Amino acid sequence: MNDSIELVNTTELNYEIENMFRNEWHFILILSPYLDLTEKIQAILAMSDAKVVILYTEIEKESKKKKLEDFQVSMPNVEFYCIPNFHAKAYITSGTLIITSLNLYKFSQINNFELGIVLKDTTYNKIIGKLFEELKILFNMNGIDTELLDNLKLPTVQDLFNEILLKSNKKEEDYGDAELLKIFSEKLLNRYSFDRKDCWRDNENILQRWAVVNRDMYEWALLNIRF
């Protein structure tokens, strides 16, 4: 069972953030009060197939407004949302959450002493729901449609189960009640831990179809689970 939480330093943070952005296939959510990014991060985000959203605080100086315009040209796939008095710093994908003091501009990455917490696997799954709840409150306070966050939701057990059914050339209706879902659940539960609420009330060996799975779970299951 995987439960990953790690404290990392400045060098390790830069490595973790770059890799999480490079490898993401679902969404990238950047929470940063300062609208500034290194050229390398800009290039990675511009090339990403993931949905990329950046939340930043208000810009008053003309030079900063010009920077936003430049970013919108160089990264047309990125959505920017301005939120007053916003000071949280976190970087989130479908499999990794980093909460840190690090900003994504060159001075911070090179000159400052920074620390961060990296959450992955089941620790990530326990925290991400609460984070999105807080962001929905923030969005409602600032007149931003919370549907944006709904569109960033992680894949579910059902999504993963359906894909494995397809790869295994099986049809669920050809088998007994929840037979294939039970086989699938037991294999996933042998590898990863889930909250009790993610399992059936009367059978903790079967996962709820709506339970979320992160990127690492999804990729492992596609490689290792067949019926």
Protein backbone atom coordinates (compact mmCIF):
# COMPACT_ATOMS: atom_id res chain seq x y z
CA MET A 1 0.00 0.00 0.00
CA ASN A 2 1.44 3.37 -1.00
CA ASP A 3 1.18 6.40 1.26
CA SER A 4 3.69 9.06 0.24
CA ILE A 5 4.50 12.37 1.93
CA GLU A 6 7.94 13.94 1.68
CA LEU A 7 9.71 17.13 2.78
CA VAL A 8 11.95 18.49 0.00
CA ASN A 9 14.46 21.34 -0.40
CA THR A 10 14.90 23.94 -3.14
CA THR A 11 16.77 21.72 -5.60
CA GLU A 12 14.40 18.82 -5.08
CA LEU A 13 11.38 21.11 -5.45
CA ASN A 14 12.53 22.37 -8.84
CA TYR A 15 13.03 18.77 -10.00
CA GLU A 16 9.64 17.59 -8.65
CA ILE A 17 7.68 20.49 -10.13
CA GLU A 18 9.27 20.25 -13.56
CA ASN A 19 8.67 16.49 -13.73
CA MET A 20 5.08 16.65 -12.49
CA PHE A 21 4.28 19.21 -15.20
CA ARG A 22 6.13 17.27 -17.92
CA ASN A 23 4.42 13.97 -17.15
CA GLU A 24 0.86 15.16 -16.55
CA TRP A 25 -1.94 14.03 -18.85
CA HIS A 26 -5.09 15.25 -17.06
CA PHE A 27 -4.74 18.67 -15.43
CA ILE A 28 -2.19 21.13 -14.04
CA LEU A 29 -3.40 23.63 -11.45
CA ILE A 30 -0.97 26.35 -10.31
CA LEU A 31 -1.78 28.48 -7.27
CA SER A 32 0.61 31.42 -7.12
CA PRO A 33 0.18 35.01 -5.94
CA TYR A 34 2.92 36.14 -8.33
CA LEU A 35 2.30 35.95 -12.06
CA ASP A 36 5.80 35.05 -13.10
CA LEU A 37 7.23 31.89 -14.64
CA THR A 38 10.64 30.85 -15.89
CA GLU A 39 11.01 30.40 -19.63
CA LYS A 40 11.44 26.66 -19.16
CA ILE A 41 8.20 26.31 -17.17
CA GLN A 42 6.42 28.42 -19.80
CA ALA A 43 7.65 26.08 -22.53
CA ILE A 44 6.58 22.96 -20.63
CA LEU A 45 3.11 24.34 -19.99
CA ALA A 46 2.72 25.51 -23.59
CA MET A 47 3.48 21.99 -24.85
CA SER A 48 1.26 20.20 -22.33
CA ASP A 49 -1.78 18.19 -23.43
CA ALA A 50 -3.26 18.62 -19.94
CA LYS A 51 -5.78 21.29 -18.99
CA VAL A 52 -3.68 24.07 -17.41
CA VAL A 53 -5.15 26.61 -14.99
CA ILE A 54 -3.23 29.35 -13.14
CA LEU A 55 -4.74 31.26 -10.20
CA TYR A 56 -2.88 34.48 -9.29
CA THR A 57 -3.49 37.67 -7.36
CA GLU A 58 -4.35 41.13 -8.69
CA ILE A 59 -2.02 42.97 -11.05
CA GLU A 60 -1.81 46.74 -10.72
CA LYS A 61 1.44 47.67 -12.44
CA GLU A 62 1.36 48.11 -16.21
CA SER A 63 4.47 45.97 -16.55
CA LYS A 64 2.65 43.07 -14.89
CA LYS A 65 -0.37 43.52 -17.14
CA LYS A 66 1.97 43.35 -20.12
CA LYS A 67 3.45 40.12 -18.74
CA LEU A 68 -0.01 38.56 -18.57
CA GLU A 69 -0.64 39.54 -22.18
CA ASP A 70 2.69 37.98 -23.19
CA PHE A 71 1.86 34.77 -21.29
CA GLN A 72 -1.51 34.53 -23.02
CA VAL A 73 0.26 34.71 -26.37
CA SER A 74 3.07 32.25 -25.53
CA MET A 75 0.76 29.82 -23.66
CA PRO A 76 -2.63 30.05 -25.43
CA ASN A 77 -3.71 26.74 -23.89
CA VAL A 78 -3.43 28.12 -20.32
CA GLU A 79 -6.40 29.64 -18.47
CA PHE A 80 -5.61 32.54 -16.09
CA TYR A 81 -7.87 33.64 -13.21
CA CYS A 82 -7.17 36.71 -11.10
CA ILE A 83 -8.22 36.53 -7.42
CA PRO A 84 -7.76 39.48 -5.01
CA ASN A 85 -5.73 38.93 -1.83
CA PHE A 86 -4.71 35.45 -2.95
CA HIS A 87 -1.47 34.29 -1.33
CA ALA A 88 -1.50 30.48 -1.36
CA LYS A 89 1.26 28.64 -3.20
CA ALA A 90 0.62 25.09 -4.37
CA TYR A 91 1.13 23.05 -7.53
CA ILE A 92 -1.32 20.27 -8.34
CA THR A 93 -1.70 17.57 -10.97
CA SER A 94 -3.80 14.40 -11.09
CA GLY A 95 -1.19 12.49 -9.09
CA THR A 96 0.93 14.99 -7.13
CA LEU A 97 0.28 17.91 -4.79
CA ILE A 98 3.11 20.21 -3.71
CA ILE A 99 2.55 22.81 -0.98
CA THR A 100 5.57 25.09 -0.79
CA SER A 101 7.13 28.50 -0.30
CA LEU A 102 8.72 28.30 -3.78
CA ASN A 103 7.62 30.68 -6.55
CA LEU A 104 8.08 29.67 -10.19
CA TYR A 105 10.39 32.50 -11.16
CA LYS A 106 14.16 32.36 -11.53
CA PHE A 107 15.20 34.37 -8.45
CA SER A 108 13.17 32.20 -6.10
CA GLN A 109 14.39 28.98 -7.72
CA ILE A 110 18.07 29.93 -7.63
CA ASN A 111 18.65 32.30 -4.70
CA ASN A 112 16.13 31.47 -1.98
CA PHE A 113 16.12 28.71 0.59
CA GLU A 114 12.77 27.00 0.03
CA LEU A 115 10.94 24.01 1.50
CA GLY A 116 7.94 22.07 0.32
CA ILE A 117 5.74 19.09 1.08
CA VAL A 118 5.14 16.59 -1.74
CA LEU A 119 2.01 14.44 -1.45
CA LYS A 120 1.41 11.44 -3.70
CA ASP A 121 -0.53 8.19 -3.81
CA THR A 122 -3.18 7.71 -1.12
CA THR A 123 -2.03 10.72 0.92
CA TYR A 124 -2.77 12.83 -2.14
CA ASN A 125 -6.26 11.33 -2.44
CA LYS A 126 -7.04 12.16 1.19
CA ILE A 127 -6.08 15.84 0.76
CA ILE A 128 -7.20 16.76 -2.76
CA GLY A 129 -10.93 16.72 -1.96
CA LYS A 130 -10.48 19.20 0.90
CA LEU A 131 -8.33 21.44 -1.30
CA PHE A 132 -11.00 21.59 -3.98
CA GLU A 133 -13.65 22.38 -1.36
CA GLU A 134 -11.60 25.39 -0.22
CA LEU A 135 -11.06 26.52 -3.80
CA LYS A 136 -14.81 26.35 -4.49
CA ILE A 137 -15.40 28.69 -1.54
CA LEU A 138 -12.74 31.03 -2.93
CA PHE A 139 -14.33 30.89 -6.38
CA ASN A 140 -17.79 31.64 -5.03
CA MET A 141 -16.43 34.63 -3.11
CA ASN A 142 -14.92 36.04 -6.30
CA GLY A 143 -17.63 35.26 -8.83
CA ILE A 144 -15.74 32.49 -10.65
CA ASP A 145 -17.77 29.55 -11.95
CA THR A 146 -16.96 26.45 -9.87
CA GLU A 147 -17.62 24.29 -12.93
CA LEU A 148 -13.97 24.94 -13.75
CA LEU A 149 -12.98 22.77 -10.79
CA ASP A 150 -15.57 20.12 -11.62
CA ASN A 151 -13.86 19.74 -15.00
CA LEU A 152 -10.56 19.01 -13.23
CA LYS A 153 -11.93 16.06 -11.29
CA LEU A 154 -9.85 12.90 -11.16
CA PRO A 155 -10.84 9.70 -12.96
CA THR A 156 -13.07 7.35 -10.97
CA VAL A 157 -12.93 3.63 -10.27
CA GLN A 158 -15.64 3.26 -12.92
CA ASP A 159 -13.52 5.06 -15.54
CA LEU A 160 -10.56 2.80 -14.84
CA PHE A 161 -12.69 -0.35 -14.58
CA ASN A 162 -14.31 0.38 -17.96
CA GLU A 163 -10.95 0.82 -19.66
CA ILE A 164 -9.62 -2.45 -18.24
CA LEU A 165 -12.81 -4.24 -19.31
CA LEU A 166 -12.23 -2.95 -22.81
CA LYS A 167 -8.59 -4.04 -22.86
CA SER A 168 -9.56 -7.47 -21.48
CA ASN A 169 -12.34 -7.84 -24.06
CA LYS A 170 -14.86 -8.61 -21.30
CA LYS A 171 -18.44 -7.50 -20.70
CA GLU A 172 -19.54 -7.01 -17.10
CA GLU A 173 -23.09 -8.22 -17.83
CA ASP A 174 -21.75 -11.66 -18.85
CA TYR A 175 -20.65 -12.37 -15.27
CA GLY A 176 -22.26 -12.65 -11.86
CA ASP A 177 -23.22 -9.73 -9.66
CA ALA A 178 -20.12 -7.50 -9.29
CA GLU A 179 -17.81 -10.48 -9.97
CA LEU A 180 -15.39 -8.58 -12.19
CA LEU A 181 -15.59 -5.43 -10.07
CA LYS A 182 -14.62 -7.51 -7.02
CA ILE A 183 -11.60 -9.01 -8.82
CA PHE A 184 -10.55 -5.55 -9.99
CA SER A 185 -11.05 -4.01 -6.51
CA GLU A 186 -9.07 -6.67 -4.70
CA LYS A 187 -6.10 -6.23 -7.02
CA LEU A 188 -6.15 -2.46 -6.62
CA LEU A 189 -6.61 -2.68 -2.83
CA ASN A 190 -3.66 -5.06 -2.57
CA ARG A 191 -1.52 -2.33 -4.09
CA TYR A 192 -3.04 0.89 -2.69
CA SER A 193 -4.97 1.91 0.39
CA PHE A 194 -8.34 3.66 0.19
CA ASP A 195 -10.53 5.30 2.80
CA ARG A 196 -13.24 3.05 4.22
CA LYS A 197 -15.88 5.31 2.65
CA ASP A 198 -14.49 4.39 -0.77
CA CYS A 199 -15.57 0.77 -0.30
CA TRP A 200 -18.96 -0.92 -0.21
CA ARG A 201 -20.69 -0.66 3.15
CA ASP A 202 -21.26 -4.43 3.38
CA ASN A 203 -18.06 -5.54 1.63
CA GLU A 204 -14.83 -3.63 2.16
CA ASN A 205 -13.14 -5.64 -0.60
CA ILE A 206 -15.19 -3.92 -3.31
CA LEU A 207 -14.56 -0.30 -4.24
CA GLN A 208 -17.33 2.21 -4.83
CA ARG A 209 -17.55 3.04 -8.52
CA TRP A 210 -17.39 6.78 -7.79
CA ALA A 211 -14.17 6.58 -5.72
CA VAL A 212 -11.35 8.58 -7.32
CA VAL A 213 -8.05 7.19 -8.56
CA ASN A 214 -4.97 9.28 -9.19
CA ARG A 215 -2.53 9.05 -12.08
CA ASP A 216 -0.17 6.53 -10.43
CA MET A 217 -3.04 4.18 -9.57
CA TYR A 218 -4.48 4.51 -13.07
CA GLU A 219 -1.23 3.79 -14.86
CA TRP A 220 -0.31 0.87 -12.59
CA ALA A 221 -3.73 -0.73 -13.00
CA LEU A 222 -3.65 -0.45 -16.80
CA LEU A 223 -0.35 -2.30 -16.85
CA ASN A 224 -1.10 -4.93 -14.21
CA ILE A 225 -4.82 -5.74 -14.05
CA ARG A 226 -6.50 -8.05 -16.56
CA PHE A 227 -9.54 -10.28 -16.25
